[in-house]
Amino acid sequence: MPGGRALRIICVNLDRSTERWASIQRQASQLGLVVERFSAVDGSKLNPLPFPIAAGAVGCFLSHRGIWERIIQGSDEYVLVLEDDALLSSDLPAFLQDTSWILGDADLVHIGGSDSRCSIEGFPRPAKGRKLFRSIKCTGTEGYIITKRCAAALLRDMVYVDKEFDQVLFNGGRNDLKIYKIFPALITQDRKNLSGTIEREIKSKLSNVKRINRELGSGLIRATM
């Protein structure tokens, strides 16, 4: 949309993660962007869990499904979906103001993540000083541009997951979709200051396991003395 308004942006954010939303708002303000908040599904409050994966992963999947539903109810052809631990590049506004760099057959463009975590094919297409590749395998849902037709297809087809949904969507589970990857990334995860919900959940479980092992070890020591 050369010369028009910037791409619509929707950010998934848990109600209890106020510091994350403040971070997104602060970055958006500095870049002159408007970000729409989507109240995330809190997987820790679901009992029983509807899928055989961690509560954080369940909440993540259901939240993105909710965003896809919101997208198809609107009129925008392209929408940027963000997670609330995103760090936004200063170049991002230029890519959202003029979307002529997005290929006509693209269903989804992954604009986040580490370059080393993605498998690509074919020759790159120029994209405002960056490179656009056809993506074969990728990870992370910190930032992606999705078309309205793709959102409708995912909402229709992805109703059940038995692993983190980005592993299904970006790792060869949807060969019918044209998924592209931009290099270098326009969005990265703030791993230093804002660890992800699933990552925090895993760390918490590991901490509990270590604590239990320490307690068992101490008990065994006392029993043998």
C-alpha atoms as a PDB file:
ATOM      1  CA  MET A   1       0.000   0.000   0.000  1.00  0.00           C
ATOM      2  CA  PRO A   2       2.438   2.655  -1.209  1.00  0.00           C
ATOM      3  CA  GLY A   3       1.569   6.052   0.192  1.00  0.00           C
ATOM      4  CA  GLY A   4      -1.324   4.629   2.241  1.00  0.00           C
ATOM      5  CA  ARG A   5      -1.713   3.770   5.879  1.00  0.00           C
ATOM      6  CA  ALA A   6       0.654   1.338   7.500  1.00  0.00           C
ATOM      7  CA  LEU A   7      -0.177  -2.333   7.844  1.00  0.00           C
ATOM      8  CA  ARG A   8      -2.521  -3.305  10.647  1.00  0.00           C
ATOM      9  CA  ILE A   9      -0.624  -4.734  13.625  1.00  0.00           C
ATOM     10  CA  ILE A  10      -2.107  -7.096  16.223  1.00  0.00           C
ATOM     11  CA  CYS A  11      -0.096  -8.082  19.289  1.00  0.00           C
ATOM     12  CA  VAL A  12      -0.970 -11.050  21.505  1.00  0.00           C
ATOM     13  CA  ASN A  13      -0.560 -10.196  25.187  1.00  0.00           C
ATOM     14  CA  LEU A  14      -1.612 -11.887  28.431  1.00  0.00           C
ATOM     15  CA  ASP A  15      -3.629  -9.662  30.747  1.00  0.00           C
ATOM     16  CA  ARG A  16      -1.112 -10.261  33.531  1.00  0.00           C
ATOM     17  CA  SER A  17       1.892  -9.351  31.344  1.00  0.00           C
ATOM     18  CA  THR A  18       1.519  -5.595  31.664  1.00  0.00           C
ATOM     19  CA  GLU A  19       5.260  -4.924  31.400  1.00  0.00           C
ATOM     20  CA  ARG A  20       5.376  -6.630  28.027  1.00  0.00           C
ATOM     21  CA  TRP A  21       2.517  -4.568  26.647  1.00  0.00           C
ATOM     22  CA  ALA A  22       4.234  -1.431  27.941  1.00  0.00           C
ATOM     23  CA  SER A  23       7.391  -2.468  26.067  1.00  0.00           C
ATOM     24  CA  ILE A  24       5.474  -2.956  22.808  1.00  0.00           C
ATOM     25  CA  GLN A  25       3.674   0.375  23.205  1.00  0.00           C
ATOM     26  CA  ARG A  26       6.933   2.168  23.930  1.00  0.00           C
ATOM     27  CA  GLN A  27       8.611   0.731  20.836  1.00  0.00           C
ATOM     28  CA  ALA A  28       5.579   1.402  18.642  1.00  0.00           C
ATOM     29  CA  SER A  29       5.420   5.012  19.812  1.00  0.00           C
ATOM     30  CA  GLN A  30       9.090   5.542  18.988  1.00  0.00           C
ATOM     31  CA  LEU A  31       8.531   4.121  15.482  1.00  0.00           C
ATOM     32  CA  GLY A  32       5.253   5.924  14.827  1.00  0.00           C
ATOM     33  CA  LEU A  33       3.249   2.690  14.707  1.00  0.00           C
ATOM     34  CA  VAL A  34      -0.169   1.807  16.090  1.00  0.00           C
ATOM     35  CA  VAL A  35      -0.496  -1.629  17.673  1.00  0.00           C
ATOM     36  CA  GLU A  36      -3.786  -3.326  18.446  1.00  0.00           C
ATOM     37  CA  ARG A  37      -3.825  -5.541  21.534  1.00  0.00           C
ATOM     38  CA  PHE A  38      -5.296  -9.055  21.586  1.00  0.00           C
ATOM     39  CA  SER A  39      -5.974 -10.465  25.041  1.00  0.00           C
ATOM     40  CA  ALA A  40      -4.175 -13.800  25.026  1.00  0.00           C
ATOM     41  CA  VAL A  41      -5.606 -17.087  26.213  1.00  0.00           C
ATOM     42  CA  ASP A  42      -3.946 -18.037  29.503  1.00  0.00           C
ATOM     43  CA  GLY A  43      -3.208 -21.739  29.161  1.00  0.00           C
ATOM     44  CA  SER A  44      -2.463 -22.050  32.869  1.00  0.00           C
ATOM     45  CA  LYS A  45      -6.143 -21.414  33.589  1.00  0.00           C
ATOM     46  CA  LEU A  46      -7.408 -24.195  31.333  1.00  0.00           C
ATOM     47  CA  ASN A  47      -8.309 -27.426  33.085  1.00  0.00           C
ATOM     48  CA  PRO A  48      -8.221 -29.863  31.493  1.00  0.00           C
ATOM     49  CA  LEU A  49      -5.922 -28.820  28.671  1.00  0.00           C
ATOM     50  CA  PRO A  50      -7.539 -29.422  25.261  1.00  0.00           C
ATOM     51  CA  PHE A  51      -4.279 -30.578  23.637  1.00  0.00           C
ATOM     52  CA  PRO A  52      -1.406 -32.831  24.844  1.00  0.00           C
ATOM     53  CA  ILE A  53       1.152 -30.026  25.054  1.00  0.00           C
ATOM     54  CA  ALA A  54       2.319 -27.564  27.711  1.00  0.00           C
ATOM     55  CA  ALA A  55      -0.191 -25.022  29.001  1.00  0.00           C
ATOM     56  CA  GLY A  56       1.812 -22.124  27.575  1.00  0.00           C
ATOM     57  CA  ALA A  57       1.862 -23.737  24.134  1.00  0.00           C
ATOM     58  CA  VAL A  58      -1.898 -24.334  24.308  1.00  0.00           C
ATOM     59  CA  GLY A  59      -2.500 -20.708  25.185  1.00  0.00           C
ATOM     60  CA  CYS A  60      -0.206 -19.563  22.386  1.00  0.00           C
ATOM     61  CA  PHE A  61      -2.020 -21.664  19.775  1.00  0.00           C
ATOM     62  CA  LEU A  62      -5.498 -20.631  20.888  1.00  0.00           C
ATOM     63  CA  SER A  63      -4.430 -16.988  21.008  1.00  0.00           C
ATOM     64  CA  HIS A  64      -3.165 -17.058  17.434  1.00  0.00           C
ATOM     65  CA  ARG A  65      -6.370 -18.776  16.341  1.00  0.00           C
ATOM     66  CA  GLY A  66      -8.272 -15.921  17.971  1.00  0.00           C
ATOM     67  CA  ILE A  67      -6.194 -13.419  16.032  1.00  0.00           C
ATOM     68  CA  TRP A  68      -6.815 -15.246  12.757  1.00  0.00           C
ATOM     69  CA  GLU A  69     -10.527 -15.055  13.455  1.00  0.00           C
ATOM     70  CA  ARG A  70     -10.258 -11.319  14.080  1.00  0.00           C
ATOM     71  CA  ILE A  71      -8.340 -10.912  10.827  1.00  0.00           C
ATOM     72  CA  ILE A  72     -10.952 -12.611   8.655  1.00  0.00           C
ATOM     73  CA  GLN A  73     -13.639 -10.439  10.211  1.00  0.00           C
ATOM     74  CA  GLY A  74     -11.799  -7.333   9.010  1.00  0.00           C
ATOM     75  CA  SER A  75     -11.076  -5.882   5.594  1.00  0.00           C
ATOM     76  CA  ASP A  76      -7.251  -5.836   5.642  1.00  0.00           C
ATOM     77  CA  GLU A  77      -5.523  -8.031   3.073  1.00  0.00           C
ATOM     78  CA  TYR A  78      -2.320  -8.176   5.126  1.00  0.00           C
ATOM     79  CA  VAL A  79      -1.884  -8.074   8.893  1.00  0.00           C
ATOM     80  CA  LEU A  80       1.263  -8.197  11.020  1.00  0.00           C
ATOM     81  CA  VAL A  81       0.926 -10.521  14.012  1.00  0.00           C
ATOM     82  CA  LEU A  82       3.288  -9.864  16.923  1.00  0.00           C
ATOM     83  CA  GLU A  83       4.031 -11.538  20.210  1.00  0.00           C
ATOM     84  CA  ASP A  84       4.626  -9.279  23.163  1.00  0.00           C
ATOM     85  CA  ASP A  85       8.302 -10.176  23.673  1.00  0.00           C
ATOM     86  CA  ALA A  86       9.200  -8.707  20.282  1.00  0.00           C
ATOM     87  CA  LEU A  87      11.985  -6.243  19.614  1.00  0.00           C
ATOM     88  CA  LEU A  88      11.117  -4.130  16.586  1.00  0.00           C
ATOM     89  CA  SER A  89      13.697  -3.019  14.038  1.00  0.00           C
ATOM     90  CA  SER A  90      13.877   0.693  13.245  1.00  0.00           C
ATOM     91  CA  ASP A  91      13.403  -0.351   9.587  1.00  0.00           C
ATOM     92  CA  LEU A  92      10.029  -1.961  10.273  1.00  0.00           C
ATOM     93  CA  PRO A  93       7.810   1.098   9.525  1.00  0.00           C
ATOM     94  CA  ALA A  94       9.119   1.335   5.949  1.00  0.00           C
ATOM     95  CA  PHE A  95       8.167  -2.304   5.311  1.00  0.00           C
ATOM     96  CA  LEU A  96       4.688  -1.782   6.746  1.00  0.00           C
ATOM     97  CA  GLN A  97       3.999   1.474   4.915  1.00  0.00           C
ATOM     98  CA  ASP A  98       4.810   0.069   1.473  1.00  0.00           C
ATOM     99  CA  THR A  99       4.001  -3.621   1.013  1.00  0.00           C
ATOM    100  CA  SER A 100       4.981  -3.808  -2.655  1.00  0.00           C
ATOM    101  CA  TRP A 101       7.939  -5.995  -1.585  1.00  0.00           C
ATOM    102  CA  ILE A 102       5.557  -8.818  -0.578  1.00  0.00           C
ATOM    103  CA  LEU A 103       5.249 -11.302  -3.443  1.00  0.00           C
ATOM    104  CA  GLY A 104       1.778 -11.747  -4.898  1.00  0.00           C
ATOM    105  CA  ASP A 105       1.670 -15.494  -4.184  1.00  0.00           C
ATOM    106  CA  ALA A 106       2.753 -15.129  -0.542  1.00  0.00           C
ATOM    107  CA  ASP A 107       0.421 -16.534   2.082  1.00  0.00           C
ATOM    108  CA  LEU A 108       2.671 -15.659   4.991  1.00  0.00           C
ATOM    109  CA  VAL A 109       5.977 -13.831   5.475  1.00  0.00           C
ATOM    110  CA  HIS A 110       8.020 -14.688   8.546  1.00  0.00           C
ATOM    111  CA  ILE A 111       9.826 -11.488   9.528  1.00  0.00           C
ATOM    112  CA  GLY A 112      11.249 -12.547  12.887  1.00  0.00           C
ATOM    113  CA  GLY A 113      13.623 -14.991  14.430  1.00  0.00           C
ATOM    114  CA  SER A 114      17.243 -15.973  14.087  1.00  0.00           C
ATOM    115  CA  ASP A 115      18.580 -16.450  10.561  1.00  0.00           C
ATOM    116  CA  SER A 116      20.347 -19.622  11.703  1.00  0.00           C
ATOM    117  CA  ARG A 117      17.053 -21.330  12.601  1.00  0.00           C
ATOM    118  CA  CYS A 118      15.577 -21.268   9.103  1.00  0.00           C
ATOM    119  CA  SER A 119      16.008 -23.464   6.025  1.00  0.00           C
ATOM    120  CA  ILE A 120      15.413 -21.720   2.711  1.00  0.00           C
ATOM    121  CA  GLU A 121      15.378 -22.517  -0.993  1.00  0.00           C
ATOM    122  CA  GLY A 122      15.788 -20.728  -4.288  1.00  0.00           C
ATOM    123  CA  PHE A 123      17.313 -17.384  -5.102  1.00  0.00           C
ATOM    124  CA  PRO A 124      16.591 -14.337  -2.967  1.00  0.00           C
ATOM    125  CA  ARG A 125      14.289 -11.551  -4.061  1.00  0.00           C
ATOM    126  CA  PRO A 126      15.241  -7.992  -3.151  1.00  0.00           C
ATOM    127  CA  ALA A 127      13.097  -6.456  -0.422  1.00  0.00           C
ATOM    128  CA  LYS A 128      13.988  -2.888   0.513  1.00  0.00           C
ATOM    129  CA  GLY A 129      17.645  -3.646   1.120  1.00  0.00           C
ATOM    130  CA  ARG A 130      16.914  -7.050   2.604  1.00  0.00           C
ATOM    131  CA  LYS A 131      16.420 -10.452   0.979  1.00  0.00           C
ATOM    132  CA  LEU A 132      13.249 -12.493   0.672  1.00  0.00           C
ATOM    133  CA  PHE A 133      13.547 -16.278   0.445  1.00  0.00           C
ATOM    134  CA  ARG A 134      11.102 -19.148   0.133  1.00  0.00           C
ATOM    135  CA  SER A 135      11.051 -20.716   3.580  1.00  0.00           C
ATOM    136  CA  ILE A 136      11.187 -24.484   4.063  1.00  0.00           C
ATOM    137  CA  LYS A 137      11.680 -24.706   7.810  1.00  0.00           C
ATOM    138  CA  CYS A 138      11.486 -21.961  10.374  1.00  0.00           C
ATOM    139  CA  THR A 139      10.615 -21.463  14.038  1.00  0.00           C
ATOM    140  CA  GLY A 140       9.068 -18.814  16.227  1.00  0.00           C
ATOM    141  CA  THR A 141       5.897 -16.751  16.083  1.00  0.00           C
ATOM    142  CA  GLU A 142       7.312 -13.465  17.337  1.00  0.00           C
ATOM    143  CA  GLY A 143       6.399 -11.764  14.081  1.00  0.00           C
ATOM    144  CA  TYR A 144       4.735 -12.730  10.801  1.00  0.00           C
ATOM    145  CA  ILE A 145       2.699 -11.020   8.107  1.00  0.00           C
ATOM    146  CA  ILE A 146      -0.310 -13.089   7.109  1.00  0.00           C
ATOM    147  CA  THR A 147      -2.890 -12.675   4.385  1.00  0.00           C
ATOM    148  CA  LYS A 148      -6.588 -12.739   5.098  1.00  0.00           C
ATOM    149  CA  ARG A 149      -7.015 -15.845   2.922  1.00  0.00           C
ATOM    150  CA  CYS A 150      -4.241 -17.639   4.800  1.00  0.00           C
ATOM    151  CA  ALA A 151      -5.778 -16.732   8.164  1.00  0.00           C
ATOM    152  CA  ALA A 152      -9.071 -18.231   6.977  1.00  0.00           C
ATOM    153  CA  ALA A 153      -7.334 -21.428   5.820  1.00  0.00           C
ATOM    154  CA  LEU A 154      -5.455 -21.865   9.097  1.00  0.00           C
ATOM    155  CA  LEU A 155      -8.558 -21.187  11.151  1.00  0.00           C
ATOM    156  CA  ARG A 156     -10.404 -23.839   9.150  1.00  0.00           C
ATOM    157  CA  ASP A 157      -7.666 -26.481   9.127  1.00  0.00           C
ATOM    158  CA  MET A 158      -5.583 -26.063  12.289  1.00  0.00           C
ATOM    159  CA  VAL A 159      -8.012 -27.131  14.973  1.00  0.00           C
ATOM    160  CA  TYR A 160      -5.790 -29.598  16.837  1.00  0.00           C
ATOM    161  CA  VAL A 161      -2.074 -29.659  17.696  1.00  0.00           C
ATOM    162  CA  ASP A 162       0.131 -32.152  19.499  1.00  0.00           C
ATOM    163  CA  LYS A 163       3.230 -29.951  19.425  1.00  0.00           C
ATOM    164  CA  GLU A 164       3.953 -26.227  19.490  1.00  0.00           C
ATOM    165  CA  PHE A 165       2.006 -24.882  16.542  1.00  0.00           C
ATOM    166  CA  ASP A 166       4.918 -23.031  14.939  1.00  0.00           C
ATOM    167  CA  GLN A 167       6.582 -26.435  14.535  1.00  0.00           C
ATOM    168  CA  VAL A 168       3.570 -27.513  12.477  1.00  0.00           C
ATOM    169  CA  LEU A 169       3.048 -24.304  10.538  1.00  0.00           C
ATOM    170  CA  PHE A 170       6.661 -23.454   9.692  1.00  0.00           C
ATOM    171  CA  ASN A 171       8.390 -26.845   9.604  1.00  0.00           C
ATOM    172  CA  GLY A 172       6.818 -28.452   6.571  1.00  0.00           C
ATOM    173  CA  GLY A 173       3.390 -29.139   8.007  1.00  0.00           C
ATOM    174  CA  ARG A 174       1.675 -26.843   5.499  1.00  0.00           C
ATOM    175  CA  ASN A 175       3.328 -27.435   2.135  1.00  0.00           C
ATOM    176  CA  ASP A 176       0.235 -26.011   0.458  1.00  0.00           C
ATOM    177  CA  LEU A 177       1.118 -22.537   1.731  1.00  0.00           C
ATOM    178  CA  LYS A 178       3.637 -20.142   0.214  1.00  0.00           C
ATOM    179  CA  ILE A 179       5.700 -19.049   3.193  1.00  0.00           C
ATOM    180  CA  TYR A 180       8.561 -16.600   2.801  1.00  0.00           C
ATOM    181  CA  LYS A 181      11.341 -15.484   5.121  1.00  0.00           C
ATOM    182  CA  ILE A 182      13.037 -12.093   5.194  1.00  0.00           C
ATOM    183  CA  PHE A 183      16.744 -11.675   5.974  1.00  0.00           C
ATOM    184  CA  PRO A 184      17.917 -10.031   8.142  1.00  0.00           C
ATOM    185  CA  ALA A 185      14.932 -10.314  10.468  1.00  0.00           C
ATOM    186  CA  LEU A 186      12.788  -7.257  11.187  1.00  0.00           C
ATOM    187  CA  ILE A 187      11.740  -8.589  14.588  1.00  0.00           C
ATOM    188  CA  THR A 188      13.652 -10.514  17.231  1.00  0.00           C
ATOM    189  CA  GLN A 189      12.726 -11.847  20.671  1.00  0.00           C
ATOM    190  CA  ASP A 190      13.774  -9.929  23.763  1.00  0.00           C
ATOM    191  CA  ARG A 191      15.382 -12.958  25.384  1.00  0.00           C
ATOM    192  CA  LYS A 192      17.454 -10.840  27.751  1.00  0.00           C
ATOM    193  CA  ASN A 193      14.627  -9.002  29.495  1.00  0.00           C
ATOM    194  CA  LEU A 194      11.375 -10.764  28.566  1.00  0.00           C
ATOM    195  CA  SER A 195      11.536 -14.541  28.482  1.00  0.00           C
ATOM    196  CA  GLY A 196       8.610 -16.177  26.709  1.00  0.00           C
ATOM    197  CA  THR A 197       5.641 -17.687  28.530  1.00  0.00           C
ATOM    198  CA  ILE A 198       6.508 -21.230  27.421  1.00  0.00           C
ATOM    199  CA  GLU A 199      10.175 -20.657  28.225  1.00  0.00           C
ATOM    200  CA  ARG A 200       9.264 -19.454  31.725  1.00  0.00           C
ATOM    201  CA  GLU A 201       7.018 -22.495  32.184  1.00  0.00           C
ATOM    202  CA  ILE A 202       9.856 -24.859  31.244  1.00  0.00           C
ATOM    203  CA  LYS A 203      12.303 -23.076  33.547  1.00  0.00           C
ATOM    204  CA  SER A 204       9.796 -23.275  36.387  1.00  0.00           C
ATOM    205  CA  LYS A 205       9.329 -27.023  35.868  1.00  0.00           C
ATOM    206  CA  LEU A 206      13.099 -27.588  35.713  1.00  0.00           C
ATOM    207  CA  SER A 207      13.524 -25.582  38.886  1.00  0.00           C
ATOM    208  CA  ASN A 208      10.901 -27.745  40.624  1.00  0.00           C
ATOM    209  CA  VAL A 209      12.600 -30.926  39.411  1.00  0.00           C
ATOM    210  CA  LYS A 210      15.961 -29.728  40.729  1.00  0.00           C
ATOM    211  CA  ARG A 211      14.393 -28.800  44.059  1.00  0.00           C
ATOM    212  CA  ILE A 212      12.740 -32.223  44.392  1.00  0.00           C
ATOM    213  CA  ASN A 213      16.000 -33.952  43.483  1.00  0.00           C
ATOM    214  CA  ARG A 214      17.830 -31.934  46.126  1.00  0.00           C
ATOM    215  CA  GLU A 215      15.219 -32.838  48.736  1.00  0.00           C
ATOM    216  CA  LEU A 216      15.330 -36.518  47.780  1.00  0.00           C
ATOM    217  CA  GLY A 217      19.095 -36.480  47.807  1.00  0.00           C
ATOM    218  CA  SER A 218      19.143 -34.875  51.227  1.00  0.00           C
ATOM    219  CA  GLY A 219      16.673 -37.453  52.527  1.00  0.00           C
ATOM    220  CA  LEU A 220      18.750 -40.305  51.148  1.00  0.00           C
ATOM    221  CA  ILE A 221      21.845 -38.909  52.780  1.00  0.00           C
ATOM    222  CA  ARG A 222      20.128 -38.612  56.136  1.00  0.00           C
ATOM    223  CA  ALA A 223      18.692 -42.126  55.806  1.00  0.00           C
ATOM    224  CA  THR A 224      22.135 -43.653  55.268  1.00  0.00           C
ATOM    225  CA  MET A 225      23.855 -41.777  58.109  1.00  0.00           C
END
